[in-house]
Amino acid sequence: MQRRIFLRDYEIIASIGIHEFERQNPQRIIVDVSLDLANDMPPDTAEDRIETVLDYDFLRDRIREIVEGRHFNLQETLCAEILTTCLQPNKVKAARVSTRKPDVYPDCDSVGVEMESRKG
């Protein structure tokens, strides 16, 4: 059984961009994360306890910590830092992260970057 947890459309305000107006005005960033987990959980999940799984709060908390109080020039840098953090727990075997800036161009939904990595 393959298990995956995800966080979709997580909106956060970040100081990001190379232009002066971006440095002066934080922007909305939309983050999507998908984590492939080790197959170390019984298929019936009879334990039904948070201690037996990877808690989603970990994702939100760590992304918020990465973004707060820091300026990123590039989405690539932000995305890579989130990806590195997502791969830290032992239960995580692979991760995919995307970041999007929805307010850049009026003629498209968003612009962004996506990265994926697998352990070992």
PDB file of N, CA and C in Angstrom:
ATOM      1  N   MET A   1       0.848  -1.184   0.000  1.00  0.00           N
ATOM      2  CA  MET A   1       0.000   0.000   0.000  1.00  0.00           C
ATOM      3  C   MET A   1       0.888   1.238   0.000  1.00  0.00           C
ATOM      4  N   GLN A   2       0.665   2.145  -0.929  1.00  0.00           N
ATOM      5  CA  GLN A   2       1.384   3.416  -0.968  1.00  0.00           C
ATOM      6  C   GLN A   2       0.551   4.472  -0.252  1.00  0.00           C
ATOM      7  N   ARG A   3       1.174   5.180   0.668  1.00  0.00           N
ATOM      8  CA  ARG A   3       0.493   6.265   1.378  1.00  0.00           C
ATOM      9  C   ARG A   3       1.104   7.590   0.965  1.00  0.00           C
ATOM     10  N   ARG A   4       0.233   8.581   0.862  1.00  0.00           N
ATOM     11  CA  ARG A   4       0.671   9.919   0.493  1.00  0.00           C
ATOM     12  C   ARG A   4      -0.174  10.906   1.287  1.00  0.00           C
ATOM     13  N   ILE A   5       0.476  11.914   1.829  1.00  0.00           N
ATOM     14  CA  ILE A   5      -0.282  13.013   2.423  1.00  0.00           C
ATOM     15  C   ILE A   5       0.012  14.262   1.600  1.00  0.00           C
ATOM     16  N   PHE A   6      -0.913  15.205   1.671  1.00  0.00           N
ATOM     17  CA  PHE A   6      -0.724  16.409   0.876  1.00  0.00           C
ATOM     18  C   PHE A   6      -1.313  17.625   1.558  1.00  0.00           C
ATOM     19  N   LEU A   7      -0.832  18.759   1.123  1.00  0.00           N
ATOM     20  CA  LEU A   7      -1.324  20.066   1.536  1.00  0.00           C
ATOM     21  C   LEU A   7      -1.526  20.828   0.236  1.00  0.00           C
ATOM     22  N   ARG A   8      -2.758  21.218  -0.036  1.00  0.00           N
ATOM     23  CA  ARG A   8      -3.057  21.876  -1.306  1.00  0.00           C
ATOM     24  C   ARG A   8      -3.548  23.296  -1.079  1.00  0.00           C
ATOM     25  N   ASP A   9      -3.096  24.170  -1.955  1.00  0.00           N
ATOM     26  CA  ASP A   9      -3.566  25.557  -1.968  1.00  0.00           C
ATOM     27  C   ASP A   9      -3.376  26.271  -0.634  1.00  0.00           C
ATOM     28  N   TYR A  10      -2.247  26.000   0.010  1.00  0.00           N
ATOM     29  CA  TYR A  10      -1.921  26.681   1.264  1.00  0.00           C
ATOM     30  C   TYR A  10      -1.450  28.089   0.924  1.00  0.00           C
ATOM     31  N   GLU A  11      -2.206  29.078   1.335  1.00  0.00           N
ATOM     32  CA  GLU A  11      -1.892  30.457   1.017  1.00  0.00           C
ATOM     33  C   GLU A  11      -1.125  31.103   2.160  1.00  0.00           C
ATOM     34  N   ILE A  12      -0.020  31.737   1.803  1.00  0.00           N
ATOM     35  CA  ILE A  12       0.820  32.392   2.787  1.00  0.00           C
ATOM     36  C   ILE A  12       1.314  33.701   2.180  1.00  0.00           C
ATOM     37  N   ILE A  13       1.565  34.681   3.004  1.00  0.00           N
ATOM     38  CA  ILE A  13       2.101  35.960   2.539  1.00  0.00           C
ATOM     39  C   ILE A  13       3.612  35.928   2.715  1.00  0.00           C
ATOM     40  N   ALA A  14       4.325  36.267   1.633  1.00  0.00           N
ATOM     41  CA  ALA A  14       5.785  36.190   1.672  1.00  0.00           C
ATOM     42  C   ALA A  14       6.411  37.428   1.048  1.00  0.00           C
ATOM     43  N   SER A  15       7.580  37.744   1.535  1.00  0.00           N
ATOM     44  CA  SER A  15       8.410  38.763   0.906  1.00  0.00           C
ATOM     45  C   SER A  15       9.238  38.026  -0.140  1.00  0.00           C
ATOM     46  N   ILE A  16       8.877  38.234  -1.405  1.00  0.00           N
ATOM     47  CA  ILE A  16       9.519  37.477  -2.471  1.00  0.00           C
ATOM     48  C   ILE A  16       9.544  38.296  -3.756  1.00  0.00           C
ATOM     49  N   GLY A  17      10.649  38.211  -4.467  1.00  0.00           N
ATOM     50  CA  GLY A  17      10.762  38.862  -5.757  1.00  0.00           C
ATOM     51  C   GLY A  17      12.037  39.664  -5.889  1.00  0.00           C
ATOM     52  N   ILE A  18      12.405  39.916  -7.141  1.00  0.00           N
ATOM     53  CA  ILE A  18      13.659  40.624  -7.412  1.00  0.00           C
ATOM     54  C   ILE A  18      13.454  42.124  -7.632  1.00  0.00           C
ATOM     55  N   HIS A  19      12.231  42.536  -7.910  1.00  0.00           N
ATOM     56  CA  HIS A  19      11.958  43.944  -8.185  1.00  0.00           C
ATOM     57  C   HIS A  19      11.761  44.716  -6.879  1.00  0.00           C
ATOM     58  N   GLU A  20      12.084  45.994  -6.914  1.00  0.00           N
ATOM     59  CA  GLU A  20      11.972  46.826  -5.714  1.00  0.00           C
ATOM     60  C   GLU A  20      10.538  46.855  -5.182  1.00  0.00           C
ATOM     61  N   PHE A  21       9.550  46.961  -6.075  1.00  0.00           N
ATOM     62  CA  PHE A  21       8.165  46.980  -5.602  1.00  0.00           C
ATOM     63  C   PHE A  21       7.790  45.663  -4.917  1.00  0.00           C
ATOM     64  N   GLU A  22       8.432  44.556  -5.308  1.00  0.00           N
ATOM     65  CA  GLU A  22       8.168  43.274  -4.650  1.00  0.00           C
ATOM     66  C   GLU A  22       8.827  43.243  -3.276  1.00  0.00           C
ATOM     67  N   ARG A  23       9.969  43.872  -3.164  1.00  0.00           N
ATOM     68  CA  ARG A  23      10.657  43.930  -1.865  1.00  0.00           C
ATOM     69  C   ARG A  23       9.869  44.761  -0.857  1.00  0.00           C
ATOM     70  N   GLN A  24       9.123  45.727  -1.358  1.00  0.00           N
ATOM     71  CA  GLN A  24       8.354  46.625  -0.492  1.00  0.00           C
ATOM     72  C   GLN A  24       6.962  46.088  -0.151  1.00  0.00           C
ATOM     73  N   ASN A  25       6.471  45.167  -0.973  1.00  0.00           N
ATOM     74  CA  ASN A  25       5.099  44.686  -0.802  1.00  0.00           C
ATOM     75  C   ASN A  25       5.053  43.165  -0.793  1.00  0.00           C
ATOM     76  N   PRO A  26       4.788  42.574   0.355  1.00  0.00           N
ATOM     77  CA  PRO A  26       4.663  41.105   0.407  1.00  0.00           C
ATOM     78  C   PRO A  26       3.580  40.631  -0.557  1.00  0.00           C
ATOM     79  N   GLN A  27       3.735  39.389  -1.006  1.00  0.00           N
ATOM     80  CA  GLN A  27       2.824  38.816  -1.993  1.00  0.00           C
ATOM     81  C   GLN A  27       2.216  37.507  -1.514  1.00  0.00           C
ATOM     82  N   ARG A  28       1.072  37.192  -2.099  1.00  0.00           N
ATOM     83  CA  ARG A  28       0.473  35.886  -1.839  1.00  0.00           C
ATOM     84  C   ARG A  28       1.278  34.821  -2.561  1.00  0.00           C
ATOM     85  N   ILE A  29       1.531  33.743  -1.857  1.00  0.00           N
ATOM     86  CA  ILE A  29       2.164  32.555  -2.422  1.00  0.00           C
ATOM     87  C   ILE A  29       1.234  31.386  -2.125  1.00  0.00           C
ATOM     88  N   ILE A  30       1.010  30.550  -3.104  1.00  0.00           N
ATOM     89  CA  ILE A  30       0.217  29.339  -2.927  1.00  0.00           C
ATOM     90  C   ILE A  30       1.188  28.164  -2.956  1.00  0.00           C
ATOM     91  N   VAL A  31       1.123  27.336  -1.926  1.00  0.00           N
ATOM     92  CA  VAL A  31       2.043  26.208  -1.799  1.00  0.00           C
ATOM     93  C   VAL A  31       1.250  24.906  -1.865  1.00  0.00           C
ATOM     94  N   ASP A  32       1.765  23.970  -2.649  1.00  0.00           N
ATOM     95  CA  ASP A  32       1.223  22.613  -2.711  1.00  0.00           C
ATOM     96  C   ASP A  32       2.352  21.651  -2.362  1.00  0.00           C
ATOM     97  N   VAL A  33       2.043  20.693  -1.495  1.00  0.00           N
ATOM     98  CA  VAL A  33       3.026  19.700  -1.077  1.00  0.00           C
ATOM     99  C   VAL A  33       2.382  18.324  -1.135  1.00  0.00           C
ATOM    100  N   SER A  34       3.140  17.363  -1.642  1.00  0.00           N
ATOM    101  CA  SER A  34       2.714  15.967  -1.637  1.00  0.00           C
ATOM    102  C   SER A  34       3.882  15.134  -1.139  1.00  0.00           C
ATOM    103  N   LEU A  35       3.639  14.333  -0.099  1.00  0.00           N
ATOM    104  CA  LEU A  35       4.688  13.518   0.507  1.00  0.00           C
ATOM    105  C   LEU A  35       4.352  12.037   0.375  1.00  0.00           C
ATOM    106  N   ASP A  36       5.254  11.265  -0.218  1.00  0.00           N
ATOM    107  CA  ASP A  36       5.121   9.812  -0.257  1.00  0.00           C
ATOM    108  C   ASP A  36       5.733   9.267   1.022  1.00  0.00           C
ATOM    109  N   LEU A  37       4.975   8.430   1.716  1.00  0.00           N
ATOM    110  CA  LEU A  37       5.403   7.935   3.022  1.00  0.00           C
ATOM    111  C   LEU A  37       5.840   6.483   2.969  1.00  0.00           C
ATOM    112  N   ALA A  38       6.693   6.130   3.918  1.00  0.00           N
ATOM    113  CA  ALA A  38       7.142   4.748   4.047  1.00  0.00           C
ATOM    114  C   ALA A  38       5.946   3.863   4.342  1.00  0.00           C
ATOM    115  N   ASN A  39       6.009   2.652   3.866  1.00  0.00           N
ATOM    116  CA  ASN A  39       4.917   1.704   4.061  1.00  0.00           C
ATOM    117  C   ASN A  39       5.119   0.954   5.376  1.00  0.00           C
ATOM    118  N   ASP A  40       5.104   1.711   6.477  1.00  0.00           N
ATOM    119  CA  ASP A  40       5.344   1.104   7.790  1.00  0.00           C
ATOM    120  C   ASP A  40       4.110   1.143   8.679  1.00  0.00           C
ATOM    121  N   MET A  41       2.969   1.409   8.080  1.00  0.00           N
ATOM    122  CA  MET A  41       1.724   1.495   8.837  1.00  0.00           C
ATOM    123  C   MET A  41       0.848   0.301   8.507  1.00  0.00           C
ATOM    124  N   PRO A  42       0.275  -0.325   9.506  1.00  0.00           N
ATOM    125  CA  PRO A  42      -0.617  -1.458   9.232  1.00  0.00           C
ATOM    126  C   PRO A  42      -1.757  -1.035   8.294  1.00  0.00           C
ATOM    127  N   PRO A  43      -2.092  -1.865   7.335  1.00  0.00           N
ATOM    128  CA  PRO A  43      -3.131  -1.497   6.365  1.00  0.00           C
ATOM    129  C   PRO A  43      -4.471  -1.159   6.988  1.00  0.00           C
ATOM    130  N   ASP A  44      -4.801  -1.755   8.114  1.00  0.00           N
ATOM    131  CA  ASP A  44      -6.116  -1.480   8.702  1.00  0.00           C
ATOM    132  C   ASP A  44      -6.138  -0.206   9.539  1.00  0.00           C
ATOM    133  N   THR A  45      -4.975   0.404   9.807  1.00  0.00           N
ATOM    134  CA  THR A  45      -4.837   1.620  10.619  1.00  0.00           C
ATOM    135  C   THR A  45      -5.702   1.565  11.877  1.00  0.00           C
ATOM    136  N   ALA A  46      -5.738   0.398  12.486  1.00  0.00           N
ATOM    137  CA  ALA A  46      -6.598   0.178  13.648  1.00  0.00           C
ATOM    138  C   ALA A  46      -6.203   1.030  14.849  1.00  0.00           C
ATOM    139  N   GLU A  47      -4.961   1.461  14.892  1.00  0.00           N
ATOM    140  CA  GLU A  47      -4.532   2.240  16.054  1.00  0.00           C
ATOM    141  C   GLU A  47      -5.258   3.572  16.147  1.00  0.00           C
ATOM    142  N   ASP A  48      -5.516   4.206  15.021  1.00  0.00           N
ATOM    143  CA  ASP A  48      -6.279   5.452  14.971  1.00  0.00           C
ATOM    144  C   ASP A  48      -5.737   6.502  15.950  1.00  0.00           C
ATOM    145  N   ARG A  49      -4.408   6.632  15.980  1.00  0.00           N
ATOM    146  CA  ARG A  49      -3.762   7.605  16.866  1.00  0.00           C
ATOM    147  C   ARG A  49      -2.814   8.469  16.046  1.00  0.00           C
ATOM    148  N   ILE A  50      -2.785   9.759  16.335  1.00  0.00           N
ATOM    149  CA  ILE A  50      -1.957  10.699  15.595  1.00  0.00           C
ATOM    150  C   ILE A  50      -0.481  10.343  15.676  1.00  0.00           C
ATOM    151  N   GLU A  51      -0.055   9.704  16.725  1.00  0.00           N
ATOM    152  CA  GLU A  51       1.353   9.340  16.893  1.00  0.00           C
ATOM    153  C   GLU A  51       1.823   8.318  15.855  1.00  0.00           C
ATOM    154  N   THR A  52       0.893   7.645  15.191  1.00  0.00           N
ATOM    155  CA  THR A  52       1.258   6.600  14.234  1.00  0.00           C
ATOM    156  C   THR A  52       1.373   7.117  12.795  1.00  0.00           C
ATOM    157  N   VAL A  53       1.091   8.402  12.595  1.00  0.00           N
ATOM    158  CA  VAL A  53       1.135   8.981  11.249  1.00  0.00           C
ATOM    159  C   VAL A  53       1.964  10.268  11.267  1.00  0.00           C
ATOM    160  N   LEU A  54       2.206  10.812  10.092  1.00  0.00           N
ATOM    161  CA  LEU A  54       2.871  12.106   9.982  1.00  0.00           C
ATOM    162  C   LEU A  54       1.794  13.181  10.022  1.00  0.00           C
ATOM    163  N   ASP A  55       1.849  14.023  11.026  1.00  0.00           N
ATOM    164  CA  ASP A  55       0.834  15.043  11.269  1.00  0.00           C
ATOM    165  C   ASP A  55       0.922  16.161  10.219  1.00  0.00           C
ATOM    166  N   TYR A  56      -0.204  16.555   9.648  1.00  0.00           N
ATOM    167  CA  TYR A  56      -0.251  17.622   8.658  1.00  0.00           C
ATOM    168  C   TYR A  56       0.225  18.959   9.227  1.00  0.00           C
ATOM    169  N   ASP A  57       0.055  19.150  10.529  1.00  0.00           N
ATOM    170  CA  ASP A  57       0.486  20.408  11.148  1.00  0.00           C
ATOM    171  C   ASP A  57       1.968  20.672  10.897  1.00  0.00           C
ATOM    172  N   PHE A  58       2.746  19.616  10.821  1.00  0.00           N
ATOM    173  CA  PHE A  58       4.173  19.735  10.533  1.00  0.00           C
ATOM    174  C   PHE A  58       4.400  20.539   9.254  1.00  0.00           C
ATOM    175  N   LEU A  59       3.634  20.263   8.217  1.00  0.00           N
ATOM    176  CA  LEU A  59       3.804  20.955   6.944  1.00  0.00           C
ATOM    177  C   LEU A  59       3.503  22.444   7.065  1.00  0.00           C
ATOM    178  N   ARG A  60       2.353  22.760   7.589  1.00  0.00           N
ATOM    179  CA  ARG A  60       1.955  24.164   7.720  1.00  0.00           C
ATOM    180  C   ARG A  60       2.916  24.938   8.609  1.00  0.00           C
ATOM    181  N   ASP A  61       3.256  24.376   9.738  1.00  0.00           N
ATOM    182  CA  ASP A  61       4.133  25.066  10.682  1.00  0.00           C
ATOM    183  C   ASP A  61       5.509  25.332  10.085  1.00  0.00           C
ATOM    184  N   ARG A  62       6.083  24.329   9.456  1.00  0.00           N
ATOM    185  CA  ARG A  62       7.435  24.492   8.906  1.00  0.00           C
ATOM    186  C   ARG A  62       7.451  25.462   7.729  1.00  0.00           C
ATOM    187  N   ILE A  63       6.452  25.431   6.875  1.00  0.00           N
ATOM    188  CA  ILE A  63       6.404  26.370   5.751  1.00  0.00           C
ATOM    189  C   ILE A  63       6.293  27.795   6.280  1.00  0.00           C
ATOM    190  N   ARG A  64       5.437  28.000   7.241  1.00  0.00           N
ATOM    191  CA  ARG A  64       5.277  29.324   7.848  1.00  0.00           C
ATOM    192  C   ARG A  64       6.591  29.800   8.460  1.00  0.00           C
ATOM    193  N   GLU A  65       7.299  28.914   9.164  1.00  0.00           N
ATOM    194  CA  GLU A  65       8.588  29.271   9.773  1.00  0.00           C
ATOM    195  C   GLU A  65       9.621  29.648   8.711  1.00  0.00           C
ATOM    196  N   ILE A  66       9.634  28.951   7.597  1.00  0.00           N
ATOM    197  CA  ILE A  66      10.584  29.241   6.519  1.00  0.00           C
ATOM    198  C   ILE A  66      10.334  30.635   5.949  1.00  0.00           C
ATOM    199  N   VAL A  67       9.086  31.000   5.769  1.00  0.00           N
ATOM    200  CA  VAL A  67       8.717  32.243   5.095  1.00  0.00           C
ATOM    201  C   VAL A  67       8.821  33.473   6.004  1.00  0.00           C
ATOM    202  N   GLU A  68       8.478  33.329   7.260  1.00  0.00           N
ATOM    203  CA  GLU A  68       8.401  34.479   8.156  1.00  0.00           C
ATOM    204  C   GLU A  68       9.752  35.167   8.351  1.00  0.00           C
ATOM    205  N   GLY A  69       9.735  36.469   8.258  1.00  0.00           N
ATOM    206  CA  GLY A  69      10.892  37.270   8.596  1.00  0.00           C
ATOM    207  C   GLY A  69      12.063  37.184   7.639  1.00  0.00           C
ATOM    208  N   ARG A  70      11.817  36.759   6.415  1.00  0.00           N
ATOM    209  CA  ARG A  70      12.906  36.604   5.459  1.00  0.00           C
ATOM    210  C   ARG A  70      12.433  36.996   4.067  1.00  0.00           C
ATOM    211  N   HIS A  71      13.343  37.534   3.281  1.00  0.00           N
ATOM    212  CA  HIS A  71      13.033  37.845   1.885  1.00  0.00           C
ATOM    213  C   HIS A  71      13.665  36.790   0.986  1.00  0.00           C
ATOM    214  N   PHE A  72      12.902  36.341   0.001  1.00  0.00           N
ATOM    215  CA  PHE A  72      13.387  35.417  -1.025  1.00  0.00           C
ATOM    216  C   PHE A  72      13.399  36.162  -2.352  1.00  0.00           C
ATOM    217  N   ASN A  73      14.503  36.120  -3.061  1.00  0.00           N
ATOM    218  CA  ASN A  73      14.539  36.704  -4.394  1.00  0.00           C
ATOM    219  C   ASN A  73      13.760  35.841  -5.378  1.00  0.00           C
ATOM    220  N   LEU A  74      13.908  34.532  -5.248  1.00  0.00           N
ATOM    221  CA  LEU A  74      13.361  33.603  -6.240  1.00  0.00           C
ATOM    222  C   LEU A  74      12.422  32.573  -5.627  1.00  0.00           C
ATOM    223  N   GLN A  75      11.395  32.220  -6.384  1.00  0.00           N
ATOM    224  CA  GLN A  75      10.531  31.115  -5.974  1.00  0.00           C
ATOM    225  C   GLN A  75      11.326  29.812  -5.909  1.00  0.00           C
ATOM    226  N   GLU A  76      12.307  29.660  -6.779  1.00  0.00           N
ATOM    227  CA  GLU A  76      13.119  28.453  -6.790  1.00  0.00           C
ATOM    228  C   GLU A  76      13.801  28.234  -5.438  1.00  0.00           C
ATOM    229  N   THR A  77      14.267  29.306  -4.827  1.00  0.00           N
ATOM    230  CA  THR A  77      14.924  29.212  -3.515  1.00  0.00           C
ATOM    231  C   THR A  77      13.923  28.805  -2.447  1.00  0.00           C
ATOM    232  N   LEU A  78      12.777  29.455  -2.438  1.00  0.00           N
ATOM    233  CA  LEU A  78      11.737  29.117  -1.467  1.00  0.00           C
ATOM    234  C   LEU A  78      11.272  27.677  -1.643  1.00  0.00           C
ATOM    235  N   CYS A  79      11.005  27.279  -2.856  1.00  0.00           N
ATOM    236  CA  CYS A  79      10.530  25.927  -3.139  1.00  0.00           C
ATOM    237  C   CYS A  79      11.562  24.888  -2.699  1.00  0.00           C
ATOM    238  N   ALA A  80      12.830  25.136  -2.978  1.00  0.00           N
ATOM    239  CA  ALA A  80      13.891  24.200  -2.603  1.00  0.00           C
ATOM    240  C   ALA A  80      13.996  24.064  -1.079  1.00  0.00           C
ATOM    241  N   GLU A  81      13.842  25.154  -0.361  1.00  0.00           N
ATOM    242  CA  GLU A  81      13.910  25.081   1.107  1.00  0.00           C
ATOM    243  C   GLU A  81      12.738  24.294   1.678  1.00  0.00           C
ATOM    244  N   ILE A  82      11.564  24.500   1.120  1.00  0.00           N
ATOM    245  CA  ILE A  82      10.401  23.733   1.573  1.00  0.00           C
ATOM    246  C   ILE A  82      10.607  22.251   1.265  1.00  0.00           C
ATOM    247  N   LEU A  83      11.111  21.945   0.081  1.00  0.00           N
ATOM    248  CA  LEU A  83      11.365  20.557  -0.309  1.00  0.00           C
ATOM    249  C   LEU A  83      12.355  19.888   0.646  1.00  0.00           C
ATOM    250  N   THR A  84      13.441  20.559   0.967  1.00  0.00           N
ATOM    251  CA  THR A  84      14.437  20.015   1.898  1.00  0.00           C
ATOM    252  C   THR A  84      13.810  19.714   3.256  1.00  0.00           C
ATOM    253  N   THR A  85      12.990  20.624   3.728  1.00  0.00           N
ATOM    254  CA  THR A  85      12.311  20.432   5.017  1.00  0.00           C
ATOM    255  C   THR A  85      11.351  19.246   4.972  1.00  0.00           C
ATOM    256  N   CYS A  86      10.641  19.105   3.860  1.00  0.00           N
ATOM    257  CA  CYS A  86       9.672  18.014   3.725  1.00  0.00           C
ATOM    258  C   CYS A  86      10.338  16.642   3.746  1.00  0.00           C
ATOM    259  N   LEU A  87      11.577  16.570   3.312  1.00  0.00           N
ATOM    260  CA  LEU A  87      12.278  15.283   3.269  1.00  0.00           C
ATOM    261  C   LEU A  87      12.924  14.901   4.593  1.00  0.00           C
ATOM    262  N   GLN A  88      12.876  15.752   5.591  1.00  0.00           N
ATOM    263  CA  GLN A  88      13.546  15.474   6.856  1.00  0.00           C
ATOM    264  C   GLN A  88      12.945  14.329   7.682  1.00  0.00           C
ATOM    265  N   PRO A  89      11.625  14.244   7.820  1.00  0.00           N
ATOM    266  CA  PRO A  89      11.089  13.143   8.633  1.00  0.00           C
ATOM    267  C   PRO A  89      11.439  11.774   8.054  1.00  0.00           C
ATOM    268  N   ASN A  90      11.758  10.826   8.907  1.00  0.00           N
ATOM    269  CA  ASN A  90      12.111   9.472   8.464  1.00  0.00           C
ATOM    270  C   ASN A  90      11.005   8.807   7.663  1.00  0.00           C
ATOM    271  N   LYS A  91       9.757   9.101   7.987  1.00  0.00           N
ATOM    272  CA  LYS A  91       8.631   8.470   7.303  1.00  0.00           C
ATOM    273  C   LYS A  91       8.491   8.910   5.847  1.00  0.00           C
ATOM    274  N   VAL A  92       9.086  10.044   5.493  1.00  0.00           N
ATOM    275  CA  VAL A  92       8.949  10.579   4.138  1.00  0.00           C
ATOM    276  C   VAL A  92       9.992   9.953   3.228  1.00  0.00           C
ATOM    277  N   LYS A  93       9.534   9.395   2.120  1.00  0.00           N
ATOM    278  CA  LYS A  93      10.419   8.767   1.134  1.00  0.00           C
ATOM    279  C   LYS A  93      10.612   9.640  -0.106  1.00  0.00           C
ATOM    280  N   ALA A  94       9.613  10.468  -0.416  1.00  0.00           N
ATOM    281  CA  ALA A  94       9.708  11.365  -1.572  1.00  0.00           C
ATOM    282  C   ALA A  94       8.782  12.550  -1.329  1.00  0.00           C
ATOM    283  N   ALA A  95       9.109  13.663  -1.990  1.00  0.00           N
ATOM    284  CA  ALA A  95       8.290  14.863  -1.835  1.00  0.00           C
ATOM    285  C   ALA A  95       8.226  15.626  -3.152  1.00  0.00           C
ATOM    286  N   ARG A  96       7.084  16.268  -3.349  1.00  0.00           N
ATOM    287  CA  ARG A  96       6.882  17.170  -4.479  1.00  0.00           C
ATOM    288  C   ARG A  96       6.334  18.471  -3.895  1.00  0.00           C
ATOM    289  N   VAL A  97       6.935  19.584  -4.290  1.00  0.00           N
ATOM    290  CA  VAL A  97       6.532  20.892  -3.778  1.00  0.00           C
ATOM    291  C   VAL A  97       6.376  21.850  -4.950  1.00  0.00           C
ATOM    292  N   SER A  98       5.341  22.651  -4.914  1.00  0.00           N
ATOM    293  CA  SER A  98       5.214  23.729  -5.887  1.00  0.00           C
ATOM    294  C   SER A  98       4.850  25.011  -5.148  1.00  0.00           C
ATOM    295  N   THR A  99       5.351  26.112  -5.685  1.00  0.00           N
ATOM    296  CA  THR A  99       4.973  27.432  -5.198  1.00  0.00           C
ATOM    297  C   THR A  99       4.449  28.221  -6.382  1.00  0.00           C
ATOM    298  N   ARG A 100       3.424  29.031  -6.127  1.00  0.00           N
ATOM    299  CA  ARG A 100       2.820  29.832  -7.188  1.00  0.00           C
ATOM    300  C   ARG A 100       2.575  31.246  -6.692  1.00  0.00           C
ATOM    301  N   LYS A 101       2.801  32.198  -7.559  1.00  0.00           N
ATOM    302  CA  LYS A 101       2.459  33.592  -7.296  1.00  0.00           C
ATOM    303  C   LYS A 101       1.223  33.900  -8.146  1.00  0.00           C
ATOM    304  N   PRO A 102       0.048  34.041  -7.504  1.00  0.00           N
ATOM    305  CA  PRO A 102      -1.185  34.220  -8.274  1.00  0.00           C
ATOM    306  C   PRO A 102      -1.459  35.648  -8.747  1.00  0.00           C
ATOM    307  N   ASP A 103      -0.695  36.607  -8.271  1.00  0.00           N
ATOM    308  CA  ASP A 103      -1.027  37.997  -8.561  1.00  0.00           C
ATOM    309  C   ASP A 103      -0.018  38.694  -9.470  1.00  0.00           C
ATOM    310  N   VAL A 104       0.753  37.936 -10.224  1.00  0.00           N
ATOM    311  CA  VAL A 104       1.802  38.534 -11.044  1.00  0.00           C
ATOM    312  C   VAL A 104       1.256  39.092 -12.363  1.00  0.00           C
ATOM    313  N   TYR A 105       0.537  38.265 -13.111  1.00  0.00           N
ATOM    314  CA  TYR A 105       0.035  38.680 -14.428  1.00  0.00           C
ATOM    315  C   TYR A 105      -1.486  38.600 -14.455  1.00  0.00           C
ATOM    316  N   PRO A 106      -2.118  39.591 -15.069  1.00  0.00           N
ATOM    317  CA  PRO A 106      -3.583  39.571 -15.117  1.00  0.00           C
ATOM    318  C   PRO A 106      -4.150  38.559 -16.109  1.00  0.00           C
ATOM    319  N   ASP A 107      -3.314  38.053 -17.011  1.00  0.00           N
ATOM    320  CA  ASP A 107      -3.832  37.166 -18.050  1.00  0.00           C
ATOM    321  C   ASP A 107      -3.531  35.690 -17.810  1.00  0.00           C
ATOM    322  N   CYS A 108      -3.119  35.343 -16.572  1.00  0.00           N
ATOM    323  CA  CYS A 108      -2.939  33.925 -16.233  1.00  0.00           C
ATOM    324  C   CYS A 108      -3.233  33.716 -14.753  1.00  0.00           C
ATOM    325  N   ASP A 109      -3.521  32.503 -14.413  1.00  0.00           N
ATOM    326  CA  ASP A 109      -3.888  32.158 -13.043  1.00  0.00           C
ATOM    327  C   ASP A 109      -2.738  32.370 -12.072  1.00  0.00           C
ATOM    328  N   SER A 110      -1.532  31.937 -12.459  1.00  0.00           N
ATOM    329  CA  SER A 110      -0.376  32.056 -11.569  1.00  0.00           C
ATOM    330  C   SER A 110       0.891  31.691 -12.323  1.00  0.00           C
ATOM    331  N   VAL A 111       2.017  32.029 -11.710  1.00  0.00           N
ATOM    332  CA  VAL A 111       3.322  31.604 -12.208  1.00  0.00           C
ATOM    333  C   VAL A 111       4.035  30.920 -11.051  1.00  0.00           C
ATOM    334  N   GLY A 112       4.818  29.889 -11.365  1.00  0.00           N
ATOM    335  CA  GLY A 112       5.432  29.183 -10.260  1.00  0.00           C
ATOM    336  C   GLY A 112       6.503  28.214 -10.672  1.00  0.00           C
ATOM    337  N   VAL A 113       6.868  27.411  -9.697  1.00  0.00           N
ATOM    338  CA  VAL A 113       7.916  26.420  -9.887  1.00  0.00           C
ATOM    339  C   VAL A 113       7.525  25.162  -9.110  1.00  0.00           C
ATOM    340  N   GLU A 114       7.955  24.020  -9.617  1.00  0.00           N
ATOM    341  CA  GLU A 114       7.684  22.751  -8.950  1.00  0.00           C
ATOM    342  C   GLU A 114       8.974  21.952  -8.889  1.00  0.00           C
ATOM    343  N   MET A 115       9.197  21.316  -7.744  1.00  0.00           N
ATOM    344  CA  MET A 115      10.387  20.480  -7.547  1.00  0.00           C
ATOM    345  C   MET A 115       9.985  19.181  -6.893  1.00  0.00           C
ATOM    346  N   GLU A 116      10.755  18.136  -7.215  1.00  0.00           N
ATOM    347  CA  GLU A 116      10.465  16.811  -6.667  1.00  0.00           C
ATOM    348  C   GLU A 116      11.794  16.130  -6.334  1.00  0.00           C
ATOM    349  N   SER A 117      11.786  15.384  -5.222  1.00  0.00           N
ATOM    350  CA  SER A 117      12.986  14.654  -4.843  1.00  0.00           C
ATOM    351  C   SER A 117      12.591  13.379  -4.105  1.00  0.00           C
ATOM    352  N   ARG A 118      13.451  12.381  -4.245  1.00  0.00           N
ATOM    353  CA  ARG A 118      13.250  11.084  -3.600  1.00  0.00           C
ATOM    354  C   ARG A 118      14.489  10.734  -2.799  1.00  0.00           C
ATOM    355  N   LYS A 119      14.294  10.193  -1.606  1.00  0.00           N
ATOM    356  CA  LYS A 119      15.428   9.786  -0.775  1.00  0.00           C
ATOM    357  C   LYS A 119      16.095   8.536  -1.362  1.00  0.00           C
ATOM    358  N   GLY A 120      17.421   8.483  -1.164  1.00  0.00           N
ATOM    359  CA  GLY A 120      18.204   7.289  -1.501  1.00  0.00           C
ATOM    360  C   GLY A 120      18.105   6.931  -2.885  1.00  0.00           C
TER     361      GLY A 120
END
